[in-house]
Amino acid sequence: MIYCVVPPELKDELFDRLVEHYKDNPNVTVIVDRRTGPDRRSTGGQFQGGKRQVRDRRRGRIPGTFPETEPPPD
């Protein structure tokens, strides 16, 4: 899916034209950006706080050890 995002300032002149342009392509959706407020991705501003911590979401390894295995004889 591809999203064609139109800024709200250009909605009146672009939205209908882009919808018409991409009407035959089911993989494209035209949307109007409705986000408001400060950009939280920026390093300054009120959201500065601490550093974001990226964590590994995989399960932890099972505790213990695995028994030794011998390779099959040739």
C-alpha atoms as a PDB file:
ATOM      1  CA  MET A   1       0.000   0.000   0.000  1.00  0.00           C
ATOM      2  CA  ILE A   2       1.310   3.446  -0.923  1.00  0.00           C
ATOM      3  CA  TYR A   3      -0.033   6.551   0.799  1.00  0.00           C
ATOM      4  CA  CYS A   4       0.080   9.864  -1.042  1.00  0.00           C
ATOM      5  CA  VAL A   5      -0.021  12.408   1.800  1.00  0.00           C
ATOM      6  CA  VAL A   6      -1.319  15.894   1.005  1.00  0.00           C
ATOM      7  CA  PRO A   7      -0.538  18.756   3.408  1.00  0.00           C
ATOM      8  CA  PRO A   8      -3.665  20.515   4.719  1.00  0.00           C
ATOM      9  CA  GLU A   9      -2.573  23.806   3.133  1.00  0.00           C
ATOM     10  CA  LEU A  10      -2.712  22.235  -0.357  1.00  0.00           C
ATOM     11  CA  LYS A  11      -5.816  20.096   0.170  1.00  0.00           C
ATOM     12  CA  ASP A  12      -8.144  22.329  -1.869  1.00  0.00           C
ATOM     13  CA  GLU A  13      -5.971  22.354  -4.973  1.00  0.00           C
ATOM     14  CA  LEU A  14      -4.338  18.887  -4.880  1.00  0.00           C
ATOM     15  CA  PHE A  15      -6.542  16.328  -3.148  1.00  0.00           C
ATOM     16  CA  ASP A  16      -9.227  15.898  -5.834  1.00  0.00           C
ATOM     17  CA  ARG A  17      -6.656  15.951  -8.645  1.00  0.00           C
ATOM     18  CA  LEU A  18      -4.541  13.246  -6.983  1.00  0.00           C
ATOM     19  CA  VAL A  19      -7.559  11.050  -6.233  1.00  0.00           C
ATOM     20  CA  GLU A  20      -8.542  11.286  -9.894  1.00  0.00           C
ATOM     21  CA  HIS A  21      -4.977  10.578 -11.021  1.00  0.00           C
ATOM     22  CA  TYR A  22      -4.603   7.439  -8.870  1.00  0.00           C
ATOM     23  CA  LYS A  23      -8.192   6.119  -9.197  1.00  0.00           C
ATOM     24  CA  ASP A  24      -7.072   3.186 -11.366  1.00  0.00           C
ATOM     25  CA  ASN A  25      -4.247   2.146  -9.053  1.00  0.00           C
ATOM     26  CA  PRO A  26      -5.595   0.148  -6.071  1.00  0.00           C
ATOM     27  CA  ASN A  27      -2.186   0.272  -4.367  1.00  0.00           C
ATOM     28  CA  VAL A  28      -2.300   4.068  -3.864  1.00  0.00           C
ATOM     29  CA  THR A  29      -4.431   5.847  -1.288  1.00  0.00           C
ATOM     30  CA  VAL A  30      -4.540   9.650  -1.134  1.00  0.00           C
ATOM     31  CA  ILE A  31      -4.903  11.085   2.365  1.00  0.00           C
ATOM     32  CA  VAL A  32      -4.778  14.536   3.972  1.00  0.00           C
ATOM     33  CA  ASP A  33      -2.264  15.016   6.778  1.00  0.00           C
ATOM     34  CA  ARG A  34      -4.231  15.905   9.926  1.00  0.00           C
ATOM     35  CA  ARG A  35      -1.418  15.790  12.461  1.00  0.00           C
ATOM     36  CA  THR A  36      -1.125  18.778  14.774  1.00  0.00           C
ATOM     37  CA  GLY A  37       1.163  19.755  17.604  1.00  0.00           C
ATOM     38  CA  PRO A  38       4.928  19.718  17.968  1.00  0.00           C
ATOM     39  CA  ASP A  39       7.078  17.228  16.126  1.00  0.00           C
ATOM     40  CA  ARG A  40       8.187  14.761  18.804  1.00  0.00           C
ATOM     41  CA  ARG A  41      11.028  13.465  16.634  1.00  0.00           C
ATOM     42  CA  SER A  42      12.991  16.681  17.087  1.00  0.00           C
ATOM     43  CA  THR A  43      15.720  16.744  19.718  1.00  0.00           C
ATOM     44  CA  GLY A  44      14.689  20.066  21.285  1.00  0.00           C
ATOM     45  CA  GLY A  45      11.481  21.363  22.755  1.00  0.00           C
ATOM     46  CA  GLN A  46       9.280  20.133  25.562  1.00  0.00           C
ATOM     47  CA  PHE A  47       9.673  16.469  24.617  1.00  0.00           C
ATOM     48  CA  GLN A  48      13.439  16.417  25.072  1.00  0.00           C
ATOM     49  CA  GLY A  49      13.412  14.445  28.323  1.00  0.00           C
ATOM     50  CA  GLY A  50      15.794  11.503  28.379  1.00  0.00           C
ATOM     51  CA  LYS A  51      17.165   9.439  25.575  1.00  0.00           C
ATOM     52  CA  ARG A  52      14.813   6.914  24.084  1.00  0.00           C
ATOM     53  CA  GLN A  53      15.808   3.363  24.883  1.00  0.00           C
ATOM     54  CA  VAL A  54      15.537   0.775  22.144  1.00  0.00           C
ATOM     55  CA  ARG A  55      14.992  -2.696  23.533  1.00  0.00           C
ATOM     56  CA  ASP A  56      15.322  -6.111  22.030  1.00  0.00           C
ATOM     57  CA  ARG A  57      11.829  -7.581  21.855  1.00  0.00           C
ATOM     58  CA  ARG A  58      12.925 -11.144  21.299  1.00  0.00           C
ATOM     59  CA  ARG A  59      12.454 -13.686  24.051  1.00  0.00           C
ATOM     60  CA  GLY A  60      15.322 -14.289  26.383  1.00  0.00           C
ATOM     61  CA  ARG A  61      17.339 -17.439  26.017  1.00  0.00           C
ATOM     62  CA  ILE A  62      16.300 -20.417  28.116  1.00  0.00           C
ATOM     63  CA  PRO A  63      18.572 -20.586  31.162  1.00  0.00           C
ATOM     64  CA  GLY A  64      20.922 -23.519  31.493  1.00  0.00           C
ATOM     65  CA  THR A  65      23.158 -25.361  29.112  1.00  0.00           C
ATOM     66  CA  PHE A  66      22.554 -27.822  26.331  1.00  0.00           C
ATOM     67  CA  PRO A  67      23.994 -31.351  26.477  1.00  0.00           C
ATOM     68  CA  GLU A  68      26.930 -32.178  24.241  1.00  0.00           C
ATOM     69  CA  THR A  69      26.046 -34.023  21.067  1.00  0.00           C
ATOM     70  CA  GLU A  70      28.255 -36.208  18.957  1.00  0.00           C
ATOM     71  CA  PRO A  71      28.219 -35.949  15.166  1.00  0.00           C
ATOM     72  CA  PRO A  72      26.918 -39.008  13.342  1.00  0.00           C
ATOM     73  CA  PRO A  73      29.587 -41.502  12.284  1.00  0.00           C
ATOM     74  CA  ASP A  74      30.619 -41.461   8.638  1.00  0.00           C
END
